[in-house]
Amino acid sequence: MRPLYVIGIFYVACCALLLLERSLLPVRGHAIQYPGEAGAWFQAMKQYCNPVEVETRHRWMPPPASMQGAAYSAACYALAGKIDKARQLIEEWPASERWKAAGIVFNVAHPVADAGDDESAGPIMELVIEFWPNHYQALYHAGMSRYSLGYPDLAKSYLQQFLGYYEFDDGWRRNASAVLKRLESD
């Protein structure tokens, strides 16, 4: 019977070592990388882009003084639900640069929209549309968000604009068309 105890203890030790080794390995996944100095700032700041910590963390660790820094800062405020502050940061730049800042905000918020958080994503997508009115992905997400939250007139407007810009016959177009048909039949 002793050899079985030794084998059992050896087996448990091997399992424990494998679990320990696995816990020490870096997590592999689809971590988003944000380019440049401003992107590195945002990567460090992202965990604090919530209503409780966003203001304090911005004071402690301000973004780089560039359009990209302002755009990532705006994205952080937008994720925290502070859309007016995000808008203000974008508006501080020349009109010719604002669409680029809105593009950075979109890139940061797009995973939120894809995850289905319509309540959070909708206002951010509408912010993007303010500065980049023909951004078809933002139009789609804003329309779907407004539809799911019970704002049919806004949903119609955004989805009709989306269909005007997006010509591919795929699931996105078919889904937008189906929602519009539902809205028109109500």
N, C-alpha and C. Protein backbone atom coordinates (compact mmCIF):
# COMPACT_ATOMS: atom_id res chain seq x y z
N MET A 1 0.82 -1.19 0.00
CA MET A 1 0.00 0.00 0.00
C MET A 1 0.87 1.26 0.00
N ARG A 2 2.03 1.22 0.54
CA ARG A 2 2.92 2.37 0.58
C ARG A 2 3.25 2.93 -0.79
N PRO A 3 3.51 2.10 -1.79
CA PRO A 3 3.82 2.66 -3.11
C PRO A 3 2.66 3.51 -3.66
N LEU A 4 1.42 3.16 -3.37
CA LEU A 4 0.30 3.97 -3.85
C LEU A 4 0.26 5.34 -3.19
N TYR A 5 0.62 5.40 -1.92
CA TYR A 5 0.69 6.70 -1.24
C TYR A 5 1.76 7.57 -1.89
N VAL A 6 2.89 7.00 -2.18
CA VAL A 6 3.99 7.75 -2.80
C VAL A 6 3.57 8.25 -4.18
N ILE A 7 2.92 7.39 -4.95
CA ILE A 7 2.45 7.80 -6.28
C ILE A 7 1.41 8.91 -6.15
N GLY A 8 0.49 8.79 -5.21
CA GLY A 8 -0.53 9.81 -4.99
C GLY A 8 0.06 11.14 -4.59
N ILE A 9 1.02 11.12 -3.68
CA ILE A 9 1.67 12.36 -3.25
C ILE A 9 2.44 12.99 -4.41
N PHE A 10 3.12 12.15 -5.20
CA PHE A 10 3.85 12.63 -6.36
C PHE A 10 2.88 13.28 -7.36
N TYR A 11 1.74 12.64 -7.59
CA TYR A 11 0.73 13.17 -8.52
C TYR A 11 0.20 14.53 -8.03
N VAL A 12 -0.13 14.64 -6.78
CA VAL A 12 -0.64 15.90 -6.22
C VAL A 12 0.42 16.99 -6.33
N ALA A 13 1.69 16.66 -6.07
CA ALA A 13 2.77 17.63 -6.17
C ALA A 13 2.94 18.13 -7.61
N CYS A 14 2.84 17.21 -8.56
CA CYS A 14 2.94 17.60 -9.98
C CYS A 14 1.80 18.53 -10.37
N CYS A 15 0.60 18.21 -9.94
CA CYS A 15 -0.55 19.07 -10.24
C CYS A 15 -0.37 20.45 -9.63
N ALA A 16 0.11 20.50 -8.40
CA ALA A 16 0.33 21.79 -7.73
C ALA A 16 1.38 22.61 -8.48
N LEU A 17 2.45 21.97 -8.93
CA LEU A 17 3.47 22.69 -9.69
C LEU A 17 2.93 23.21 -11.01
N LEU A 18 2.13 22.43 -11.69
CA LEU A 18 1.55 22.88 -12.95
C LEU A 18 0.62 24.07 -12.73
N LEU A 19 -0.18 24.02 -11.69
CA LEU A 19 -1.07 25.15 -11.39
C LEU A 19 -0.28 26.40 -11.02
N LEU A 20 0.77 26.23 -10.25
CA LEU A 20 1.61 27.36 -9.86
C LEU A 20 2.28 27.96 -11.08
N GLU A 21 2.82 27.12 -11.95
CA GLU A 21 3.48 27.60 -13.16
C GLU A 21 2.48 28.36 -14.04
N ARG A 22 1.29 27.83 -14.18
CA ARG A 22 0.27 28.48 -15.02
C ARG A 22 -0.14 29.84 -14.44
N SER A 23 -0.21 29.94 -13.13
CA SER A 23 -0.61 31.21 -12.52
C SER A 23 0.48 32.27 -12.65
N LEU A 24 1.73 31.85 -12.87
CA LEU A 24 2.82 32.81 -13.02
C LEU A 24 3.01 33.27 -14.45
N LEU A 25 2.42 32.57 -15.41
CA LEU A 25 2.54 32.95 -16.81
C LEU A 25 1.71 34.19 -17.08
N PRO A 26 2.17 35.06 -17.99
CA PRO A 26 1.34 36.22 -18.34
C PRO A 26 0.06 35.77 -19.03
N VAL A 27 -0.99 36.54 -18.81
CA VAL A 27 -2.27 36.22 -19.42
C VAL A 27 -2.18 36.50 -20.91
N ARG A 28 -2.55 35.52 -21.69
CA ARG A 28 -2.57 35.71 -23.13
C ARG A 28 -4.01 35.97 -23.55
N GLY A 29 -4.16 36.90 -24.39
CA GLY A 29 -5.50 37.23 -24.85
C GLY A 29 -5.43 38.30 -25.90
N HIS A 30 -6.48 39.03 -26.01
CA HIS A 30 -6.56 40.07 -27.01
C HIS A 30 -6.43 41.43 -26.34
N ALA A 31 -5.34 41.62 -25.62
CA ALA A 31 -5.13 42.90 -24.96
C ALA A 31 -4.92 43.97 -26.03
N ILE A 32 -5.63 45.05 -25.89
CA ILE A 32 -5.54 46.14 -26.85
C ILE A 32 -4.31 46.97 -26.53
N GLN A 33 -3.55 47.26 -27.54
CA GLN A 33 -2.39 48.12 -27.37
C GLN A 33 -2.71 49.49 -27.96
N TYR A 34 -2.42 50.53 -27.21
CA TYR A 34 -2.67 51.89 -27.65
C TYR A 34 -1.32 52.51 -28.01
N PRO A 35 -1.17 53.05 -29.23
CA PRO A 35 0.13 53.50 -29.70
C PRO A 35 0.60 54.83 -29.10
N GLY A 36 1.89 54.99 -29.08
CA GLY A 36 2.52 56.26 -28.71
C GLY A 36 2.53 56.55 -27.22
N GLU A 37 3.08 57.72 -26.93
CA GLU A 37 3.19 58.16 -25.54
C GLU A 37 1.80 58.33 -24.91
N ALA A 38 0.89 58.91 -25.67
CA ALA A 38 -0.47 59.10 -25.15
C ALA A 38 -1.16 57.76 -24.95
N GLY A 39 -0.90 56.82 -25.84
CA GLY A 39 -1.47 55.48 -25.69
C GLY A 39 -0.95 54.78 -24.45
N ALA A 40 0.35 54.95 -24.19
CA ALA A 40 0.94 54.36 -22.98
C ALA A 40 0.33 55.00 -21.73
N TRP A 41 0.11 56.31 -21.79
CA TRP A 41 -0.54 56.99 -20.67
C TRP A 41 -1.92 56.38 -20.44
N PHE A 42 -2.69 56.23 -21.52
CA PHE A 42 -4.04 55.69 -21.39
C PHE A 42 -4.01 54.25 -20.87
N GLN A 43 -3.07 53.46 -21.34
CA GLN A 43 -2.97 52.07 -20.89
C GLN A 43 -2.81 52.03 -19.36
N ALA A 44 -2.01 52.93 -18.83
CA ALA A 44 -1.82 52.99 -17.37
C ALA A 44 -3.04 53.58 -16.66
N MET A 45 -3.75 54.46 -17.35
CA MET A 45 -4.87 55.20 -16.75
C MET A 45 -6.20 54.45 -16.85
N LYS A 46 -6.33 53.56 -17.82
CA LYS A 46 -7.62 52.98 -18.17
C LYS A 46 -8.38 52.40 -16.98
N GLN A 47 -7.69 51.76 -16.07
CA GLN A 47 -8.37 51.16 -14.93
C GLN A 47 -9.04 52.20 -14.02
N TYR A 48 -8.64 53.46 -14.17
CA TYR A 48 -9.20 54.53 -13.34
C TYR A 48 -10.25 55.36 -14.09
N CYS A 49 -10.63 54.93 -15.27
CA CYS A 49 -11.61 55.67 -16.08
C CYS A 49 -13.02 55.31 -15.64
N ASN A 50 -13.32 55.66 -14.41
CA ASN A 50 -14.63 55.41 -13.83
C ASN A 50 -15.04 56.68 -13.08
N PRO A 51 -16.32 56.83 -12.78
CA PRO A 51 -16.80 58.08 -12.18
C PRO A 51 -16.16 58.43 -10.85
N VAL A 52 -15.69 57.46 -10.13
CA VAL A 52 -15.14 57.71 -8.80
C VAL A 52 -13.71 58.23 -8.87
N GLU A 53 -12.90 57.70 -9.78
CA GLU A 53 -11.46 57.99 -9.75
C GLU A 53 -10.95 58.87 -10.89
N VAL A 54 -11.74 59.11 -11.90
CA VAL A 54 -11.22 59.76 -13.11
C VAL A 54 -10.63 61.14 -12.84
N GLU A 55 -11.31 61.97 -12.06
CA GLU A 55 -10.83 63.33 -11.80
C GLU A 55 -9.52 63.32 -11.00
N THR A 56 -9.50 62.57 -9.94
CA THR A 56 -8.32 62.51 -9.08
C THR A 56 -7.11 61.99 -9.85
N ARG A 57 -7.30 60.92 -10.57
CA ARG A 57 -6.19 60.33 -11.32
C ARG A 57 -5.68 61.25 -12.41
N HIS A 58 -6.56 62.02 -13.03
CA HIS A 58 -6.10 62.99 -14.03
C HIS A 58 -5.24 64.07 -13.38
N ARG A 59 -5.59 64.47 -12.18
CA ARG A 59 -4.75 65.47 -11.48
C ARG A 59 -3.41 64.87 -11.12
N TRP A 60 -3.38 63.63 -10.68
CA TRP A 60 -2.14 62.99 -10.27
C TRP A 60 -1.26 62.61 -11.45
N MET A 61 -1.91 62.26 -12.55
CA MET A 61 -1.17 61.78 -13.72
C MET A 61 -1.80 62.37 -14.98
N PRO A 62 -1.51 63.65 -15.28
CA PRO A 62 -2.13 64.28 -16.44
C PRO A 62 -1.66 63.64 -17.75
N PRO A 63 -2.50 63.73 -18.78
CA PRO A 63 -2.13 63.16 -20.07
C PRO A 63 -1.05 64.00 -20.75
N PRO A 64 -0.39 63.43 -21.74
CA PRO A 64 0.58 64.22 -22.51
C PRO A 64 -0.11 65.42 -23.16
N ALA A 65 0.62 66.49 -23.31
CA ALA A 65 0.07 67.73 -23.88
C ALA A 65 0.12 67.65 -25.41
N SER A 66 -0.77 66.85 -25.95
CA SER A 66 -0.86 66.68 -27.40
C SER A 66 -2.32 66.39 -27.74
N MET A 67 -2.63 66.41 -29.03
CA MET A 67 -3.99 66.07 -29.44
C MET A 67 -4.31 64.64 -29.02
N GLN A 68 -3.36 63.73 -29.21
CA GLN A 68 -3.59 62.34 -28.81
C GLN A 68 -3.80 62.23 -27.31
N GLY A 69 -3.03 62.99 -26.54
CA GLY A 69 -3.21 62.99 -25.09
C GLY A 69 -4.60 63.47 -24.70
N ALA A 70 -5.04 64.56 -25.35
CA ALA A 70 -6.39 65.08 -25.08
C ALA A 70 -7.45 64.07 -25.50
N ALA A 71 -7.21 63.40 -26.62
CA ALA A 71 -8.19 62.43 -27.12
C ALA A 71 -8.30 61.23 -26.18
N TYR A 72 -7.18 60.71 -25.72
CA TYR A 72 -7.23 59.60 -24.78
C TYR A 72 -7.83 60.04 -23.44
N SER A 73 -7.54 61.27 -23.05
CA SER A 73 -8.16 61.81 -21.84
C SER A 73 -9.67 61.90 -22.02
N ALA A 74 -10.11 62.37 -23.19
CA ALA A 74 -11.54 62.45 -23.50
C ALA A 74 -12.16 61.05 -23.47
N ALA A 75 -11.44 60.08 -24.00
CA ALA A 75 -11.95 58.70 -23.99
C ALA A 75 -12.11 58.21 -22.56
N CYS A 76 -11.16 58.54 -21.72
CA CYS A 76 -11.22 58.13 -20.31
C CYS A 76 -12.45 58.75 -19.63
N TYR A 77 -12.63 60.05 -19.84
CA TYR A 77 -13.80 60.71 -19.26
C TYR A 77 -15.10 60.12 -19.83
N ALA A 78 -15.10 59.82 -21.12
CA ALA A 78 -16.30 59.24 -21.73
C ALA A 78 -16.61 57.88 -21.12
N LEU A 79 -15.59 57.05 -20.93
CA LEU A 79 -15.82 55.75 -20.29
C LEU A 79 -16.37 55.92 -18.88
N ALA A 80 -15.97 57.00 -18.23
CA ALA A 80 -16.46 57.28 -16.87
C ALA A 80 -17.86 57.89 -16.88
N GLY A 81 -18.42 58.10 -18.07
CA GLY A 81 -19.76 58.66 -18.18
C GLY A 81 -19.78 60.18 -18.13
N LYS A 82 -18.63 60.82 -18.20
CA LYS A 82 -18.54 62.28 -18.14
C LYS A 82 -18.38 62.82 -19.56
N ILE A 83 -19.47 62.72 -20.31
CA ILE A 83 -19.48 63.07 -21.72
C ILE A 83 -19.21 64.56 -21.94
N ASP A 84 -19.74 65.43 -21.08
CA ASP A 84 -19.51 66.87 -21.25
C ASP A 84 -18.03 67.22 -21.12
N LYS A 85 -17.35 66.60 -20.18
CA LYS A 85 -15.92 66.84 -20.02
C LYS A 85 -15.15 66.30 -21.23
N ALA A 86 -15.55 65.14 -21.72
CA ALA A 86 -14.92 64.58 -22.92
C ALA A 86 -15.10 65.53 -24.11
N ARG A 87 -16.30 66.04 -24.28
CA ARG A 87 -16.60 66.98 -25.37
C ARG A 87 -15.72 68.22 -25.24
N GLN A 88 -15.61 68.75 -24.03
CA GLN A 88 -14.80 69.95 -23.78
C GLN A 88 -13.35 69.73 -24.19
N LEU A 89 -12.81 68.58 -23.87
CA LEU A 89 -11.41 68.28 -24.22
C LEU A 89 -11.22 68.21 -25.74
N ILE A 90 -12.19 67.66 -26.44
CA ILE A 90 -12.08 67.59 -27.90
C ILE A 90 -12.24 68.98 -28.51
N GLU A 91 -13.15 69.78 -27.97
CA GLU A 91 -13.41 71.12 -28.52
C GLU A 91 -12.24 72.08 -28.33
N GLU A 92 -11.30 71.76 -27.47
CA GLU A 92 -10.14 72.62 -27.27
C GLU A 92 -9.18 72.58 -28.45
N TRP A 93 -9.37 71.64 -29.35
CA TRP A 93 -8.49 71.49 -30.51
C TRP A 93 -9.13 72.12 -31.74
N PRO A 94 -8.32 72.49 -32.72
CA PRO A 94 -8.87 73.07 -33.95
C PRO A 94 -9.88 72.13 -34.59
N ALA A 95 -10.86 72.69 -35.28
CA ALA A 95 -11.91 71.89 -35.90
C ALA A 95 -11.33 70.81 -36.81
N SER A 96 -10.22 71.10 -37.45
CA SER A 96 -9.62 70.13 -38.37
C SER A 96 -9.02 68.92 -37.66
N GLU A 97 -8.84 69.00 -36.37
CA GLU A 97 -8.26 67.89 -35.59
C GLU A 97 -9.31 67.12 -34.79
N ARG A 98 -10.46 67.68 -34.63
CA ARG A 98 -11.46 67.09 -33.72
C ARG A 98 -11.92 65.71 -34.17
N TRP A 99 -12.07 65.50 -35.46
CA TRP A 99 -12.51 64.18 -35.94
C TRP A 99 -11.48 63.12 -35.59
N LYS A 100 -10.19 63.49 -35.59
CA LYS A 100 -9.15 62.52 -35.23
C LYS A 100 -9.26 62.15 -33.75
N ALA A 101 -9.52 63.15 -32.92
CA ALA A 101 -9.71 62.89 -31.49
C ALA A 101 -10.93 62.00 -31.28
N ALA A 102 -12.00 62.28 -32.03
CA ALA A 102 -13.22 61.46 -31.92
C ALA A 102 -12.93 60.03 -32.36
N GLY A 103 -12.06 59.87 -33.34
CA GLY A 103 -11.68 58.52 -33.78
C GLY A 103 -10.98 57.74 -32.68
N ILE A 104 -10.14 58.41 -31.92
CA ILE A 104 -9.47 57.75 -30.79
C ILE A 104 -10.50 57.37 -29.73
N VAL A 105 -11.43 58.27 -29.46
CA VAL A 105 -12.50 57.97 -28.50
C VAL A 105 -13.29 56.75 -28.98
N PHE A 106 -13.61 56.73 -30.27
CA PHE A 106 -14.35 55.58 -30.82
C PHE A 106 -13.56 54.28 -30.62
N ASN A 107 -12.29 54.30 -30.96
CA ASN A 107 -11.49 53.08 -30.84
C ASN A 107 -11.45 52.55 -29.42
N VAL A 108 -11.43 53.44 -28.46
CA VAL A 108 -11.43 53.03 -27.06
C VAL A 108 -12.79 52.47 -26.66
N ALA A 109 -13.86 53.11 -27.13
CA ALA A 109 -15.21 52.73 -26.69
C ALA A 109 -15.83 51.62 -27.53
N HIS A 110 -15.28 51.31 -28.67
CA HIS A 110 -15.87 50.31 -29.55
C HIS A 110 -16.06 48.95 -28.86
N PRO A 111 -15.09 48.47 -28.08
CA PRO A 111 -15.32 47.20 -27.39
C PRO A 111 -16.51 47.25 -26.42
N VAL A 112 -16.78 48.41 -25.84
CA VAL A 112 -17.93 48.56 -24.95
C VAL A 112 -19.22 48.36 -25.75
N ALA A 113 -19.26 48.96 -26.93
CA ALA A 113 -20.44 48.82 -27.79
C ALA A 113 -20.59 47.38 -28.27
N ASP A 114 -19.48 46.78 -28.68
CA ASP A 114 -19.54 45.39 -29.15
C ASP A 114 -19.96 44.43 -28.05
N ALA A 115 -19.64 44.77 -26.81
CA ALA A 115 -20.03 43.92 -25.69
C ALA A 115 -21.51 44.05 -25.35
N GLY A 116 -22.17 45.06 -25.94
CA GLY A 116 -23.61 45.19 -25.74
C GLY A 116 -24.02 46.12 -24.61
N ASP A 117 -23.09 46.92 -24.10
CA ASP A 117 -23.44 47.85 -23.03
C ASP A 117 -24.00 49.12 -23.67
N ASP A 118 -25.26 49.04 -24.08
CA ASP A 118 -25.89 50.14 -24.82
C ASP A 118 -26.02 51.41 -23.99
N GLU A 119 -26.26 51.26 -22.73
CA GLU A 119 -26.43 52.43 -21.87
C GLU A 119 -25.15 53.26 -21.80
N SER A 120 -24.01 52.59 -21.74
CA SER A 120 -22.74 53.30 -21.70
C SER A 120 -22.26 53.71 -23.08
N ALA A 121 -22.41 52.82 -24.05
CA ALA A 121 -21.84 53.06 -25.38
C ALA A 121 -22.61 54.12 -26.16
N GLY A 122 -23.92 54.18 -26.02
CA GLY A 122 -24.73 55.10 -26.81
C GLY A 122 -24.26 56.55 -26.73
N PRO A 123 -24.15 57.11 -25.54
CA PRO A 123 -23.71 58.51 -25.44
C PRO A 123 -22.29 58.73 -25.99
N ILE A 124 -21.43 57.74 -25.84
CA ILE A 124 -20.07 57.88 -26.36
C ILE A 124 -20.11 57.89 -27.89
N MET A 125 -20.91 57.01 -28.48
CA MET A 125 -21.02 56.97 -29.94
C MET A 125 -21.64 58.26 -30.46
N GLU A 126 -22.58 58.82 -29.74
CA GLU A 126 -23.16 60.10 -30.14
C GLU A 126 -22.12 61.22 -30.08
N LEU A 127 -21.23 61.16 -29.09
CA LEU A 127 -20.14 62.12 -29.01
C LEU A 127 -19.23 62.00 -30.24
N VAL A 128 -18.91 60.79 -30.61
CA VAL A 128 -18.08 60.57 -31.80
C VAL A 128 -18.77 61.18 -33.03
N ILE A 129 -20.07 60.96 -33.16
CA ILE A 129 -20.82 61.46 -34.31
C ILE A 129 -20.82 62.99 -34.36
N GLU A 130 -20.80 63.65 -33.20
CA GLU A 130 -20.75 65.11 -33.19
C GLU A 130 -19.56 65.64 -33.97
N PHE A 131 -18.44 64.96 -33.86
CA PHE A 131 -17.20 65.43 -34.47
C PHE A 131 -16.83 64.69 -35.75
N TRP A 132 -17.47 63.55 -35.99
CA TRP A 132 -17.22 62.76 -37.19
C TRP A 132 -18.57 62.23 -37.66
N PRO A 133 -19.38 63.09 -38.25
CA PRO A 133 -20.79 62.76 -38.54
C PRO A 133 -21.01 61.57 -39.47
N ASN A 134 -20.06 61.23 -40.29
CA ASN A 134 -20.26 60.11 -41.21
C ASN A 134 -19.51 58.85 -40.76
N HIS A 135 -19.21 58.75 -39.50
CA HIS A 135 -18.55 57.55 -38.95
C HIS A 135 -19.60 56.45 -38.87
N TYR A 136 -19.63 55.59 -39.88
CA TYR A 136 -20.74 54.65 -40.00
C TYR A 136 -20.81 53.67 -38.83
N GLN A 137 -19.68 53.28 -38.27
CA GLN A 137 -19.73 52.35 -37.13
C GLN A 137 -20.35 53.03 -35.91
N ALA A 138 -19.98 54.28 -35.67
CA ALA A 138 -20.57 55.01 -34.55
C ALA A 138 -22.06 55.21 -34.77
N LEU A 139 -22.45 55.49 -36.02
CA LEU A 139 -23.87 55.65 -36.33
C LEU A 139 -24.63 54.35 -36.05
N TYR A 140 -24.05 53.23 -36.46
CA TYR A 140 -24.69 51.94 -36.21
C TYR A 140 -24.87 51.70 -34.71
N HIS A 141 -23.79 51.86 -33.96
CA HIS A 141 -23.87 51.59 -32.52
C HIS A 141 -24.78 52.58 -31.80
N ALA A 142 -24.76 53.83 -32.21
CA ALA A 142 -25.66 54.81 -31.60
C ALA A 142 -27.11 54.44 -31.90
N GLY A 143 -27.38 54.03 -33.13
CA GLY A 143 -28.74 53.63 -33.49
C GLY A 143 -29.22 52.42 -32.72
N MET A 144 -28.39 51.42 -32.64
CA MET A 144 -28.77 50.21 -31.90
C MET A 144 -28.93 50.49 -30.42
N SER A 145 -28.08 51.33 -29.90
CA SER A 145 -28.18 51.70 -28.49
C SER A 145 -29.51 52.40 -28.22
N ARG A 146 -29.83 53.38 -29.04
CA ARG A 146 -31.06 54.12 -28.85
C ARG A 146 -32.28 53.23 -29.06
N TYR A 147 -32.19 52.30 -29.98
CA TYR A 147 -33.28 51.36 -30.19
C TYR A 147 -33.50 50.51 -28.94
N SER A 148 -32.44 49.94 -28.42
CA SER A 148 -32.58 49.04 -27.26
C SER A 148 -33.00 49.79 -26.00
N LEU A 149 -32.72 51.09 -25.94
CA LEU A 149 -33.09 51.88 -24.77
C LEU A 149 -34.44 52.58 -24.92
N GLY A 150 -35.11 52.36 -26.07
CA GLY A 150 -36.45 52.88 -26.24
C GLY A 150 -36.55 54.30 -26.76
N TYR A 151 -35.62 54.70 -27.61
CA TYR A 151 -35.67 56.01 -28.25
C TYR A 151 -35.81 55.81 -29.76
N PRO A 152 -37.01 55.51 -30.24
CA PRO A 152 -37.19 55.13 -31.64
C PRO A 152 -36.82 56.22 -32.65
N ASP A 153 -37.11 57.48 -32.35
CA ASP A 153 -36.81 58.54 -33.31
C ASP A 153 -35.30 58.69 -33.52
N LEU A 154 -34.56 58.69 -32.42
CA LEU A 154 -33.10 58.76 -32.55
C LEU A 154 -32.55 57.53 -33.24
N ALA A 155 -33.07 56.37 -32.88
CA ALA A 155 -32.62 55.13 -33.50
C ALA A 155 -32.82 55.17 -35.01
N LYS A 156 -34.00 55.61 -35.45
CA LYS A 156 -34.29 55.72 -36.88
C LYS A 156 -33.29 56.63 -37.58
N SER A 157 -33.08 57.79 -36.99
CA SER A 157 -32.18 58.77 -37.60
C SER A 157 -30.78 58.20 -37.77
N TYR A 158 -30.24 57.63 -36.71
CA TYR A 158 -28.88 57.08 -36.78
C TYR A 158 -28.79 55.91 -37.75
N LEU A 159 -29.76 55.02 -37.71
CA LEU A 159 -29.70 53.83 -38.56
C LEU A 159 -29.92 54.19 -40.04
N GLN A 160 -30.77 55.17 -40.31
CA GLN A 160 -30.94 55.62 -41.71
C GLN A 160 -29.64 56.23 -42.23
N GLN A 161 -28.98 57.02 -41.39
CA GLN A 161 -27.70 57.59 -41.79
C GLN A 161 -26.66 56.49 -42.01
N PHE A 162 -26.65 55.51 -41.10
CA PHE A 162 -25.72 54.38 -41.25
C PHE A 162 -25.92 53.72 -42.61
N LEU A 163 -27.17 53.41 -42.96
CA LEU A 163 -27.45 52.75 -44.23
C LEU A 163 -27.05 53.62 -45.42
N GLY A 164 -27.08 54.93 -45.25
CA GLY A 164 -26.66 55.83 -46.32
C GLY A 164 -25.16 55.77 -46.58
N TYR A 165 -24.39 55.45 -45.56
CA TYR A 165 -22.93 55.40 -45.70
C TYR A 165 -22.40 53.98 -45.91
N TYR A 166 -23.11 53.00 -45.41
CA TYR A 166 -22.60 51.62 -45.41
C TYR A 166 -23.27 50.82 -46.51
N GLU A 167 -22.49 50.42 -47.49
CA GLU A 167 -23.04 49.79 -48.68
C GLU A 167 -22.91 48.27 -48.72
N PHE A 168 -22.15 47.69 -47.83
CA PHE A 168 -21.93 46.24 -47.87
C PHE A 168 -23.19 45.50 -47.46
N ASP A 169 -23.50 44.44 -48.19
CA ASP A 169 -24.66 43.62 -47.86
C ASP A 169 -24.20 42.51 -46.91
N ASP A 170 -24.20 42.83 -45.63
CA ASP A 170 -23.74 41.88 -44.63
C ASP A 170 -24.65 41.93 -43.41
N GLY A 171 -24.23 41.29 -42.35
CA GLY A 171 -25.05 41.22 -41.15
C GLY A 171 -25.34 42.56 -40.52
N TRP A 172 -24.39 43.50 -40.59
CA TRP A 172 -24.60 44.82 -39.99
C TRP A 172 -25.73 45.55 -40.73
N ARG A 173 -25.65 45.52 -42.05
CA ARG A 173 -26.67 46.20 -42.86
C ARG A 173 -28.03 45.53 -42.69
N ARG A 174 -28.04 44.21 -42.73
CA ARG A 174 -29.31 43.48 -42.57
C ARG A 174 -29.92 43.73 -41.20
N ASN A 175 -29.09 43.77 -40.17
CA ASN A 175 -29.59 44.02 -38.82
C ASN A 175 -30.16 45.43 -38.71
N ALA A 176 -29.46 46.41 -39.25
CA ALA A 176 -29.96 47.79 -39.21
C ALA A 176 -31.27 47.91 -39.97
N SER A 177 -31.36 47.26 -41.13
CA SER A 177 -32.59 47.29 -41.93
C SER A 177 -33.75 46.63 -41.18
N ALA A 178 -33.46 45.52 -40.53
CA ALA A 178 -34.51 44.82 -39.77
C ALA A 178 -35.03 45.69 -38.63
N VAL A 179 -34.13 46.36 -37.94
CA VAL A 179 -34.55 47.23 -36.83
C VAL A 179 -35.38 48.40 -37.37
N LEU A 180 -34.96 48.97 -38.48
CA LEU A 180 -35.73 50.05 -39.09
C LEU A 180 -37.13 49.59 -39.48
N LYS A 181 -37.25 48.39 -40.04
CA LYS A 181 -38.57 47.87 -40.40
C LYS A 181 -39.44 47.72 -39.16
N ARG A 182 -38.84 47.22 -38.07
CA ARG A 182 -39.61 47.10 -36.82
C ARG A 182 -40.06 48.46 -36.33
N LEU A 183 -39.16 49.43 -36.41
CA LEU A 183 -39.51 50.78 -35.95
C LEU A 183 -40.60 51.41 -36.80
N GLU A 184 -40.58 51.17 -38.09
CA GLU A 184 -41.57 51.75 -38.99
C GLU A 184 -42.94 51.07 -38.84
N SER A 185 -42.93 49.81 -38.40
CA SER A 185 -44.21 49.11 -38.23
C SER A 185 -44.86 49.43 -36.88
N ASP A 186 -44.12 49.98 -35.97
CA ASP A 186 -44.67 50.34 -34.64
C ASP A 186 -45.51 51.59 -34.68
